[in-house]
Amino acid sequence: MLRTKFSQFRAISIIEGISYLILVFLAMPLKYLFEEPMAVKIFGMMHGIFFIFFCIALYNAMKQYKWGFLFSLKLFIYSLIPFLFILIEKEIMKTKKTI
């Protein structure tokens, strides 16, 4: 199923993006509105792990598919902003046509 670095990167990108949304829109409100800090500890740790996997997968895909530094930097910056993981998917699908 996830045999290529391309498909691995796509999957990790989506998982990381969703974990970021859960952290920002579920765990953070639970912490600050309902004084439940455990949600941020749990989802923050999960998101951190997924983000590290994302960075590794981005590096691997960049090397294998010869993505330029600026393109890879753009994908990295997209990963820092909620909902922009959708643009990562759009950008990498454009490159799939040339792979």
PDB file of N, CA and C in Angstrom:
ATOM      1  N   MET A   1       0.824  -1.194   0.000  1.00  0.00           N
ATOM      2  CA  MET A   1       0.000   0.000   0.000  1.00  0.00           C
ATOM      3  C   MET A   1       0.867   1.258   0.000  1.00  0.00           C
ATOM      4  N   LEU A   2       1.764   1.381   0.954  1.00  0.00           N
ATOM      5  CA  LEU A   2       2.628   2.558   1.028  1.00  0.00           C
ATOM      6  C   LEU A   2       4.047   2.150   0.648  1.00  0.00           C
ATOM      7  N   ARG A   3       4.209   1.681  -0.572  1.00  0.00           N
ATOM      8  CA  ARG A   3       5.493   1.118  -0.984  1.00  0.00           C
ATOM      9  C   ARG A   3       6.491   2.164  -1.438  1.00  0.00           C
ATOM     10  N   THR A   4       6.013   3.264  -1.963  1.00  0.00           N
ATOM     11  CA  THR A   4       6.942   4.278  -2.456  1.00  0.00           C
ATOM     12  C   THR A   4       7.096   5.399  -1.435  1.00  0.00           C
ATOM     13  N   LYS A   5       8.192   6.098  -1.537  1.00  0.00           N
ATOM     14  CA  LYS A   5       8.402   7.253  -0.650  1.00  0.00           C
ATOM     15  C   LYS A   5       7.342   8.316  -0.912  1.00  0.00           C
ATOM     16  N   PHE A   6       6.872   8.377  -2.150  1.00  0.00           N
ATOM     17  CA  PHE A   6       5.838   9.344  -2.501  1.00  0.00           C
ATOM     18  C   PHE A   6       4.545   9.057  -1.736  1.00  0.00           C
ATOM     19  N   SER A   7       4.092   7.812  -1.759  1.00  0.00           N
ATOM     20  CA  SER A   7       2.848   7.470  -1.057  1.00  0.00           C
ATOM     21  C   SER A   7       3.032   7.553   0.457  1.00  0.00           C
ATOM     22  N   GLN A   8       4.220   7.220   0.947  1.00  0.00           N
ATOM     23  CA  GLN A   8       4.493   7.369   2.376  1.00  0.00           C
ATOM     24  C   GLN A   8       4.431   8.833   2.781  1.00  0.00           C
ATOM     25  N   PHE A   9       5.036   9.687   1.962  1.00  0.00           N
ATOM     26  CA  PHE A   9       5.017  11.114   2.267  1.00  0.00           C
ATOM     27  C   PHE A   9       3.590  11.654   2.255  1.00  0.00           C
ATOM     28  N   ARG A  10       2.796  11.259   1.276  1.00  0.00           N
ATOM     29  CA  ARG A  10       1.395  11.709   1.215  1.00  0.00           C
ATOM     30  C   ARG A  10       0.646  11.304   2.480  1.00  0.00           C
ATOM     31  N   ALA A  11       0.786  10.050   2.880  1.00  0.00           N
ATOM     32  CA  ALA A  11       0.063   9.552   4.055  1.00  0.00           C
ATOM     33  C   ALA A  11       0.513  10.269   5.323  1.00  0.00           C
ATOM     34  N   ILE A  12       1.816  10.410   5.497  1.00  0.00           N
ATOM     35  CA  ILE A  12       2.332  11.069   6.698  1.00  0.00           C
ATOM     36  C   ILE A  12       1.919  12.532   6.722  1.00  0.00           C
ATOM     37  N   SER A  13       1.917  13.170   5.566  1.00  0.00           N
ATOM     38  CA  SER A  13       1.508  14.572   5.486  1.00  0.00           C
ATOM     39  C   SER A  13       0.062  14.756   5.949  1.00  0.00           C
ATOM     40  N   ILE A  14      -0.806  13.879   5.505  1.00  0.00           N
ATOM     41  CA  ILE A  14      -2.221  13.971   5.886  1.00  0.00           C
ATOM     42  C   ILE A  14      -2.396  13.675   7.376  1.00  0.00           C
ATOM     43  N   ILE A  15      -1.742  12.641   7.865  1.00  0.00           N
ATOM     44  CA  ILE A  15      -1.848  12.293   9.287  1.00  0.00           C
ATOM     45  C   ILE A  15      -1.318  13.424  10.161  1.00  0.00           C
ATOM     46  N   GLU A  16      -0.179  13.988   9.772  1.00  0.00           N
ATOM     47  CA  GLU A  16       0.409  15.093  10.538  1.00  0.00           C
ATOM     48  C   GLU A  16      -0.519  16.306  10.530  1.00  0.00           C
ATOM     49  N   GLY A  17      -1.103  16.609   9.378  1.00  0.00           N
ATOM     50  CA  GLY A  17      -2.015  17.748   9.285  1.00  0.00           C
ATOM     51  C   GLY A  17      -3.256  17.573  10.144  1.00  0.00           C
ATOM     52  N   ILE A  18      -3.809  16.377  10.138  1.00  0.00           N
ATOM     53  CA  ILE A  18      -4.995  16.108  10.955  1.00  0.00           C
ATOM     54  C   ILE A  18      -4.640  16.158  12.439  1.00  0.00           C
ATOM     55  N   SER A  19      -3.472  15.633  12.800  1.00  0.00           N
ATOM     56  CA  SER A  19      -3.074  15.687  14.212  1.00  0.00           C
ATOM     57  C   SER A  19      -2.887  17.132  14.670  1.00  0.00           C
ATOM     58  N   TYR A  20      -2.412  17.982  13.775  1.00  0.00           N
ATOM     59  CA  TYR A  20      -2.249  19.404  14.103  1.00  0.00           C
ATOM     60  C   TYR A  20      -3.611  20.059  14.327  1.00  0.00           C
ATOM     61  N   LEU A  21      -4.578  19.728  13.474  1.00  0.00           N
ATOM     62  CA  LEU A  21      -5.928  20.277  13.651  1.00  0.00           C
ATOM     63  C   LEU A  21      -6.538  19.815  14.972  1.00  0.00           C
ATOM     64  N   ILE A  22      -6.346  18.552  15.314  1.00  0.00           N
ATOM     65  CA  ILE A  22      -6.867  18.042  16.587  1.00  0.00           C
ATOM     66  C   ILE A  22      -6.218  18.779  17.754  1.00  0.00           C
ATOM     67  N   LEU A  23      -4.915  18.989  17.661  1.00  0.00           N
ATOM     68  CA  LEU A  23      -4.205  19.700  18.726  1.00  0.00           C
ATOM     69  C   LEU A  23      -4.734  21.124  18.884  1.00  0.00           C
ATOM     70  N   VAL A  24      -4.855  21.834  17.773  1.00  0.00           N
ATOM     71  CA  VAL A  24      -5.237  23.251  17.829  1.00  0.00           C
ATOM     72  C   VAL A  24      -6.716  23.447  18.148  1.00  0.00           C
ATOM     73  N   PHE A  25      -7.580  22.638  17.542  1.00  0.00           N
ATOM     74  CA  PHE A  25      -9.012  22.896  17.661  1.00  0.00           C
ATOM     75  C   PHE A  25      -9.749  22.008  18.657  1.00  0.00           C
ATOM     76  N   LEU A  26      -9.076  21.022  19.215  1.00  0.00           N
ATOM     77  CA  LEU A  26      -9.712  20.193  20.237  1.00  0.00           C
ATOM     78  C   LEU A  26      -8.940  20.262  21.558  1.00  0.00           C
ATOM     79  N   ALA A  27      -7.661  19.924  21.505  1.00  0.00           N
ATOM     80  CA  ALA A  27      -6.879  19.853  22.744  1.00  0.00           C
ATOM     81  C   ALA A  27      -6.651  21.218  23.377  1.00  0.00           C
ATOM     82  N   MET A  28      -6.310  22.213  22.569  1.00  0.00           N
ATOM     83  CA  MET A  28      -6.059  23.552  23.131  1.00  0.00           C
ATOM     84  C   MET A  28      -7.316  24.147  23.778  1.00  0.00           C
ATOM     85  N   PRO A  29      -8.480  24.081  23.124  1.00  0.00           N
ATOM     86  CA  PRO A  29      -9.685  24.568  23.819  1.00  0.00           C
ATOM     87  C   PRO A  29      -9.993  23.789  25.097  1.00  0.00           C
ATOM     88  N   LEU A  30      -9.756  22.474  25.075  1.00  0.00           N
ATOM     89  CA  LEU A  30      -9.975  21.701  26.301  1.00  0.00           C
ATOM     90  C   LEU A  30      -9.067  22.193  27.418  1.00  0.00           C
ATOM     91  N   LYS A  31      -7.839  22.534  27.067  1.00  0.00           N
ATOM     92  CA  LYS A  31      -6.894  23.007  28.078  1.00  0.00           C
ATOM     93  C   LYS A  31      -7.302  24.367  28.631  1.00  0.00           C
ATOM     94  N   TYR A  32      -7.614  25.302  27.761  1.00  0.00           N
ATOM     95  CA  TYR A  32      -7.825  26.676  28.210  1.00  0.00           C
ATOM     96  C   TYR A  32      -9.269  27.003  28.589  1.00  0.00           C
ATOM     97  N   LEU A  33     -10.230  26.308  28.020  1.00  0.00           N
ATOM     98  CA  LEU A  33     -11.624  26.581  28.372  1.00  0.00           C
ATOM     99  C   LEU A  33     -12.120  25.698  29.510  1.00  0.00           C
ATOM    100  N   PHE A  34     -11.623  24.461  29.550  1.00  0.00           N
ATOM    101  CA  PHE A  34     -12.117  23.517  30.547  1.00  0.00           C
ATOM    102  C   PHE A  34     -11.032  23.055  31.522  1.00  0.00           C
ATOM    103  N   GLU A  35      -9.890  23.724  31.477  1.00  0.00           N
ATOM    104  CA  GLU A  35      -8.782  23.431  32.383  1.00  0.00           C
ATOM    105  C   GLU A  35      -8.430  21.942  32.403  1.00  0.00           C
ATOM    106  N   GLU A  36      -8.288  21.386  31.215  1.00  0.00           N
ATOM    107  CA  GLU A  36      -7.934  19.976  31.057  1.00  0.00           C
ATOM    108  C   GLU A  36      -6.619  19.877  30.279  1.00  0.00           C
ATOM    109  N   PRO A  37      -5.481  20.027  30.976  1.00  0.00           N
ATOM    110  CA  PRO A  37      -4.191  20.055  30.275  1.00  0.00           C
ATOM    111  C   PRO A  37      -3.739  18.703  29.719  1.00  0.00           C
ATOM    112  N   MET A  38      -4.344  17.630  30.179  1.00  0.00           N
ATOM    113  CA  MET A  38      -3.914  16.308  29.723  1.00  0.00           C
ATOM    114  C   MET A  38      -4.124  16.128  28.218  1.00  0.00           C
ATOM    115  N   ALA A  39      -5.152  16.740  27.663  1.00  0.00           N
ATOM    116  CA  ALA A  39      -5.413  16.609  26.225  1.00  0.00           C
ATOM    117  C   ALA A  39      -4.249  17.152  25.408  1.00  0.00           C
ATOM    118  N   VAL A  40      -3.697  18.290  25.827  1.00  0.00           N
ATOM    119  CA  VAL A  40      -2.563  18.870  25.102  1.00  0.00           C
ATOM    120  C   VAL A  40      -1.328  17.992  25.260  1.00  0.00           C
ATOM    121  N   LYS A  41      -1.149  17.420  26.428  1.00  0.00           N
ATOM    122  CA  LYS A  41       0.005  16.541  26.629  1.00  0.00           C
ATOM    123  C   LYS A  41      -0.065  15.332  25.700  1.00  0.00           C
ATOM    124  N   ILE A  42      -1.235  14.740  25.615  1.00  0.00           N
ATOM    125  CA  ILE A  42      -1.401  13.542  24.783  1.00  0.00           C
ATOM    126  C   ILE A  42      -1.313  13.894  23.302  1.00  0.00           C
ATOM    127  N   PHE A  43      -2.165  14.826  22.858  1.00  0.00           N
ATOM    128  CA  PHE A  43      -2.196  15.157  21.436  1.00  0.00           C
ATOM    129  C   PHE A  43      -0.956  15.939  21.006  1.00  0.00           C
ATOM    130  N   GLY A  44      -0.379  16.689  21.916  1.00  0.00           N
ATOM    131  CA  GLY A  44       0.864  17.390  21.605  1.00  0.00           C
ATOM    132  C   GLY A  44       2.001  16.415  21.339  1.00  0.00           C
ATOM    133  N   MET A  45       2.097  15.391  22.157  1.00  0.00           N
ATOM    134  CA  MET A  45       3.122  14.364  21.960  1.00  0.00           C
ATOM    135  C   MET A  45       2.886  13.616  20.646  1.00  0.00           C
ATOM    136  N   MET A  46       1.634  13.248  20.392  1.00  0.00           N
ATOM    137  CA  MET A  46       1.320  12.543  19.147  1.00  0.00           C
ATOM    138  C   MET A  46       1.676  13.402  17.937  1.00  0.00           C
ATOM    139  N   HIS A  47       1.274  14.664  17.984  1.00  0.00           N
ATOM    140  CA  HIS A  47       1.563  15.552  16.860  1.00  0.00           C
ATOM    141  C   HIS A  47       3.075  15.737  16.697  1.00  0.00           C
ATOM    142  N   GLY A  48       3.785  15.862  17.787  1.00  0.00           N
ATOM    143  CA  GLY A  48       5.236  16.006  17.710  1.00  0.00           C
ATOM    144  C   GLY A  48       5.897  14.823  17.023  1.00  0.00           C
ATOM    145  N   ILE A  49       5.450  13.639  17.357  1.00  0.00           N
ATOM    146  CA  ILE A  49       5.989  12.430  16.721  1.00  0.00           C
ATOM    147  C   ILE A  49       5.652  12.417  15.237  1.00  0.00           C
ATOM    148  N   PHE A  50       4.390  12.733  14.908  1.00  0.00           N
ATOM    149  CA  PHE A  50       3.997  12.772  13.497  1.00  0.00           C
ATOM    150  C   PHE A  50       4.766  13.846  12.733  1.00  0.00           C
ATOM    151  N   PHE A  51       5.045  14.970  13.386  1.00  0.00           N
ATOM    152  CA  PHE A  51       5.783  16.043  12.722  1.00  0.00           C
ATOM    153  C   PHE A  51       7.220  15.611  12.424  1.00  0.00           C
ATOM    154  N   ILE A  52       7.824  14.897  13.347  1.00  0.00           N
ATOM    155  CA  ILE A  52       9.176  14.376  13.102  1.00  0.00           C
ATOM    156  C   ILE A  52       9.155  13.396  11.929  1.00  0.00           C
ATOM    157  N   PHE A  53       8.156  12.503  11.908  1.00  0.00           N
ATOM    158  CA  PHE A  53       8.017  11.582  10.775  1.00  0.00           C
ATOM    159  C   PHE A  53       7.813  12.349   9.471  1.00  0.00           C
ATOM    160  N   PHE A  54       7.028  13.427   9.533  1.00  0.00           N
ATOM    161  CA  PHE A  54       6.798  14.256   8.348  1.00  0.00           C
ATOM    162  C   PHE A  54       8.119  14.837   7.841  1.00  0.00           C
ATOM    163  N   CYS A  55       8.918  15.376   8.735  1.00  0.00           N
ATOM    164  CA  CYS A  55      10.199  15.979   8.334  1.00  0.00           C
ATOM    165  C   CYS A  55      11.124  14.941   7.711  1.00  0.00           C
ATOM    166  N   ILE A  56      11.163  13.755   8.286  1.00  0.00           N
ATOM    167  CA  ILE A  56      11.990  12.677   7.731  1.00  0.00           C
ATOM    168  C   ILE A  56      11.467  12.265   6.359  1.00  0.00           C
ATOM    169  N   ALA A  57      10.148  12.116   6.249  1.00  0.00           N
ATOM    170  CA  ALA A  57       9.554  11.724   4.968  1.00  0.00           C
ATOM    171  C   ALA A  57       9.764  12.805   3.911  1.00  0.00           C
ATOM    172  N   LEU A  58       9.672  14.062   4.311  1.00  0.00           N
ATOM    173  CA  LEU A  58       9.918  15.163   3.374  1.00  0.00           C
ATOM    174  C   LEU A  58      11.361  15.107   2.871  1.00  0.00           C
ATOM    175  N   TYR A  59      12.291  14.906   3.767  1.00  0.00           N
ATOM    176  CA  TYR A  59      13.700  14.815   3.375  1.00  0.00           C
ATOM    177  C   TYR A  59      13.925  13.640   2.416  1.00  0.00           C
ATOM    178  N   ASN A  60      13.361  12.481   2.750  1.00  0.00           N
ATOM    179  CA  ASN A  60      13.518  11.304   1.890  1.00  0.00           C
ATOM    180  C   ASN A  60      12.907  11.526   0.512  1.00  0.00           C
ATOM    181  N   ALA A  61      11.715  12.100   0.480  1.00  0.00           N
ATOM    182  CA  ALA A  61      11.059  12.367  -0.807  1.00  0.00           C
ATOM    183  C   ALA A  61      11.837  13.412  -1.599  1.00  0.00           C
ATOM    184  N   MET A  62      12.352  14.418  -0.909  1.00  0.00           N
ATOM    185  CA  MET A  62      13.132  15.462  -1.576  1.00  0.00           C
ATOM    186  C   MET A  62      14.352  14.848  -2.264  1.00  0.00           C
ATOM    187  N   LYS A  63      15.023  13.955  -1.577  1.00  0.00           N
ATOM    188  CA  LYS A  63      16.213  13.318  -2.152  1.00  0.00           C
ATOM    189  C   LYS A  63      15.848  12.371  -3.296  1.00  0.00           C
ATOM    190  N   GLN A  64      14.838  11.541  -3.090  1.00  0.00           N
ATOM    191  CA  GLN A  64      14.501  10.545  -4.102  1.00  0.00           C
ATOM    192  C   GLN A  64      13.928  11.182  -5.360  1.00  0.00           C
ATOM    193  N   TYR A  65      13.063  12.176  -5.202  1.00  0.00           N
ATOM    194  CA  TYR A  65      12.385  12.764  -6.357  1.00  0.00           C
ATOM    195  C   TYR A  65      13.036  14.056  -6.825  1.00  0.00           C
ATOM    196  N   LYS A  66      14.177  14.390  -6.208  1.00  0.00           N
ATOM    197  CA  LYS A  66      14.956  15.566  -6.594  1.00  0.00           C
ATOM    198  C   LYS A  66      14.131  16.853  -6.563  1.00  0.00           C
ATOM    199  N   TRP A  67      13.338  16.977  -5.488  1.00  0.00           N
ATOM    200  CA  TRP A  67      12.608  18.224  -5.289  1.00  0.00           C
ATOM    201  C   TRP A  67      13.614  19.287  -4.886  1.00  0.00           C
ATOM    202  N   GLY A  68      13.450  20.480  -5.398  1.00  0.00           N
ATOM    203  CA  GLY A  68      14.359  21.565  -5.061  1.00  0.00           C
ATOM    204  C   GLY A  68      14.198  22.019  -3.616  1.00  0.00           C
ATOM    205  N   PHE A  69      15.205  22.758  -3.150  1.00  0.00           N
ATOM    206  CA  PHE A  69      15.178  23.245  -1.778  1.00  0.00           C
ATOM    207  C   PHE A  69      13.983  24.162  -1.538  1.00  0.00           C
ATOM    208  N   LEU A  70      13.719  25.090  -2.464  1.00  0.00           N
ATOM    209  CA  LEU A  70      12.616  26.037  -2.261  1.00  0.00           C
ATOM    210  C   LEU A  70      11.259  25.335  -2.264  1.00  0.00           C
ATOM    211  N   PHE A  71      11.096  24.343  -3.137  1.00  0.00           N
ATOM    212  CA  PHE A  71       9.849  23.575  -3.153  1.00  0.00           C
ATOM    213  C   PHE A  71       9.670  22.842  -1.826  1.00  0.00           C
ATOM    214  N   SER A  72      10.731  22.209  -1.355  1.00  0.00           N
ATOM    215  CA  SER A  72      10.666  21.481  -0.080  1.00  0.00           C
ATOM    216  C   SER A  72      10.434  22.429   1.086  1.00  0.00           C
ATOM    217  N   LEU A  73      11.060  23.593   1.039  1.00  0.00           N
ATOM    218  CA  LEU A  73      10.850  24.594   2.082  1.00  0.00           C
ATOM    219  C   LEU A  73       9.398  25.059   2.095  1.00  0.00           C
ATOM    220  N   LYS A  74       8.818  25.232   0.909  1.00  0.00           N
ATOM    221  CA  LYS A  74       7.411  25.629   0.817  1.00  0.00           C
ATOM    222  C   LYS A  74       6.517  24.567   1.462  1.00  0.00           C
ATOM    223  N   LEU A  75       6.784  23.303   1.192  1.00  0.00           N
ATOM    224  CA  LEU A  75       5.997  22.225   1.806  1.00  0.00           C
ATOM    225  C   LEU A  75       6.165  22.225   3.320  1.00  0.00           C
ATOM    226  N   PHE A  76       7.385  22.468   3.780  1.00  0.00           N
ATOM    227  CA  PHE A  76       7.635  22.526   5.217  1.00  0.00           C
ATOM    228  C   PHE A  76       6.852  23.676   5.851  1.00  0.00           C
ATOM    229  N   ILE A  77       6.874  24.843   5.230  1.00  0.00           N
ATOM    230  CA  ILE A  77       6.141  26.000   5.768  1.00  0.00           C
ATOM    231  C   ILE A  77       4.644  25.722   5.774  1.00  0.00           C
ATOM    232  N   TYR A  78       4.140  25.077   4.726  1.00  0.00           N
ATOM    233  CA  TYR A  78       2.722  24.706   4.704  1.00  0.00           C
ATOM    234  C   TYR A  78       2.369  23.822   5.900  1.00  0.00           C
ATOM    235  N   SER A  79       3.296  22.981   6.315  1.00  0.00           N
ATOM    236  CA  SER A  79       3.004  22.069   7.426  1.00  0.00           C
ATOM    237  C   SER A  79       2.884  22.795   8.761  1.00  0.00           C
ATOM    238  N   LEU A  80       3.342  24.030   8.827  1.00  0.00           N
ATOM    239  CA  LEU A  80       3.305  24.785  10.082  1.00  0.00           C
ATOM    240  C   LEU A  80       1.993  25.532  10.301  1.00  0.00           C
ATOM    241  N   ILE A  81       1.156  25.602   9.283  1.00  0.00           N
ATOM    242  CA  ILE A  81      -0.078  26.386   9.349  1.00  0.00           C
ATOM    243  C   ILE A  81      -1.271  25.439   9.230  1.00  0.00           C
ATOM    244  N   PRO A  82      -2.210  25.508  10.185  1.00  0.00           N
ATOM    245  CA  PRO A  82      -3.370  24.611  10.113  1.00  0.00           C
ATOM    246  C   PRO A  82      -4.092  24.711   8.772  1.00  0.00           C
ATOM    247  N   PHE A  83      -4.563  23.592   8.283  1.00  0.00           N
ATOM    248  CA  PHE A  83      -5.313  23.421   7.042  1.00  0.00           C
ATOM    249  C   PHE A  83      -4.453  23.485   5.783  1.00  0.00           C
ATOM    250  N   LEU A  84      -3.221  23.950   5.865  1.00  0.00           N
ATOM    251  CA  LEU A  84      -2.404  24.029   4.657  1.00  0.00           C
ATOM    252  C   LEU A  84      -1.801  22.686   4.264  1.00  0.00           C
ATOM    253  N   PHE A  85      -2.003  21.659   5.095  1.00  0.00           N
ATOM    254  CA  PHE A  85      -1.571  20.332   4.668  1.00  0.00           C
ATOM    255  C   PHE A  85      -2.329  19.913   3.415  1.00  0.00           C
ATOM    256  N   ILE A  86      -3.485  20.525   3.186  1.00  0.00           N
ATOM    257  CA  ILE A  86      -4.253  20.265   1.964  1.00  0.00           C
ATOM    258  C   ILE A  86      -3.483  20.785   0.751  1.00  0.00           C
ATOM    259  N   LEU A  87      -2.820  21.920   0.901  1.00  0.00           N
ATOM    260  CA  LEU A  87      -2.013  22.453  -0.197  1.00  0.00           C
ATOM    261  C   LEU A  87      -0.787  21.587  -0.464  1.00  0.00           C
ATOM    262  N   ILE A  88      -0.277  20.943   0.575  1.00  0.00           N
ATOM    263  CA  ILE A  88       0.843  20.023   0.370  1.00  0.00           C
ATOM    264  C   ILE A  88       0.408  18.922  -0.584  1.00  0.00           C
ATOM    265  N   GLU A  89      -0.763  18.375  -0.329  1.00  0.00           N
ATOM    266  CA  GLU A  89      -1.298  17.322  -1.194  1.00  0.00           C
ATOM    267  C   GLU A  89      -1.424  17.824  -2.631  1.00  0.00           C
ATOM    268  N   LYS A  90      -1.942  19.010  -2.790  1.00  0.00           N
ATOM    269  CA  LYS A  90      -2.119  19.593  -4.127  1.00  0.00           C
ATOM    270  C   LYS A  90      -0.772  19.781  -4.826  1.00  0.00           C
ATOM    271  N   GLU A  91       0.199  20.312  -4.104  1.00  0.00           N
ATOM    272  CA  GLU A  91       1.521  20.574  -4.691  1.00  0.00           C
ATOM    273  C   GLU A  91       2.232  19.281  -5.092  1.00  0.00           C
ATOM    274  N   ILE A  92       2.177  18.280  -4.233  1.00  0.00           N
ATOM    275  CA  ILE A  92       2.917  17.065  -4.571  1.00  0.00           C
ATOM    276  C   ILE A  92       2.217  16.266  -5.667  1.00  0.00           C
ATOM    277  N   MET A  93       0.906  16.397  -5.782  1.00  0.00           N
ATOM    278  CA  MET A  93       0.218  15.703  -6.868  1.00  0.00           C
ATOM    279  C   MET A  93       0.593  16.316  -8.218  1.00  0.00           C
ATOM    280  N   LYS A  94       0.919  17.605  -8.237  1.00  0.00           N
ATOM    281  CA  LYS A  94       1.417  18.223  -9.475  1.00  0.00           C
ATOM    282  C   LYS A  94       2.740  17.584  -9.885  1.00  0.00           C
ATOM    283  N   THR A  95       3.585  17.297  -8.898  1.00  0.00           N
ATOM    284  CA  THR A  95       4.894  16.727  -9.212  1.00  0.00           C
ATOM    285  C   THR A  95       4.792  15.261  -9.600  1.00  0.00           C
ATOM    286  N   LYS A  96       3.730  14.595  -9.186  1.00  0.00           N
ATOM    287  CA  LYS A  96       3.592  13.173  -9.503  1.00  0.00           C
ATOM    288  C   LYS A  96       3.547  12.958 -11.008  1.00  0.00           C
ATOM    289  N   LYS A  97       3.007  13.922 -11.722  1.00  0.00           N
ATOM    290  CA  LYS A  97       2.928  13.803 -13.179  1.00  0.00           C
ATOM    291  C   LYS A  97       4.315  13.767 -13.819  1.00  0.00           C
ATOM    292  N   THR A  98       5.290  14.366 -13.147  1.00  0.00           N
ATOM    293  CA  THR A  98       6.642  14.402 -13.702  1.00  0.00           C
ATOM    294  C   THR A  98       7.533  13.295 -13.161  1.00  0.00           C
ATOM    295  N   ILE A  99       7.049  12.577 -12.168  1.00  0.00           N
ATOM    296  CA  ILE A  99       7.863  11.506 -11.558  1.00  0.00           C
ATOM    297  C   ILE A  99       7.796  10.262 -12.422  1.00  0.00           C
TER     298      ILE A  99
END
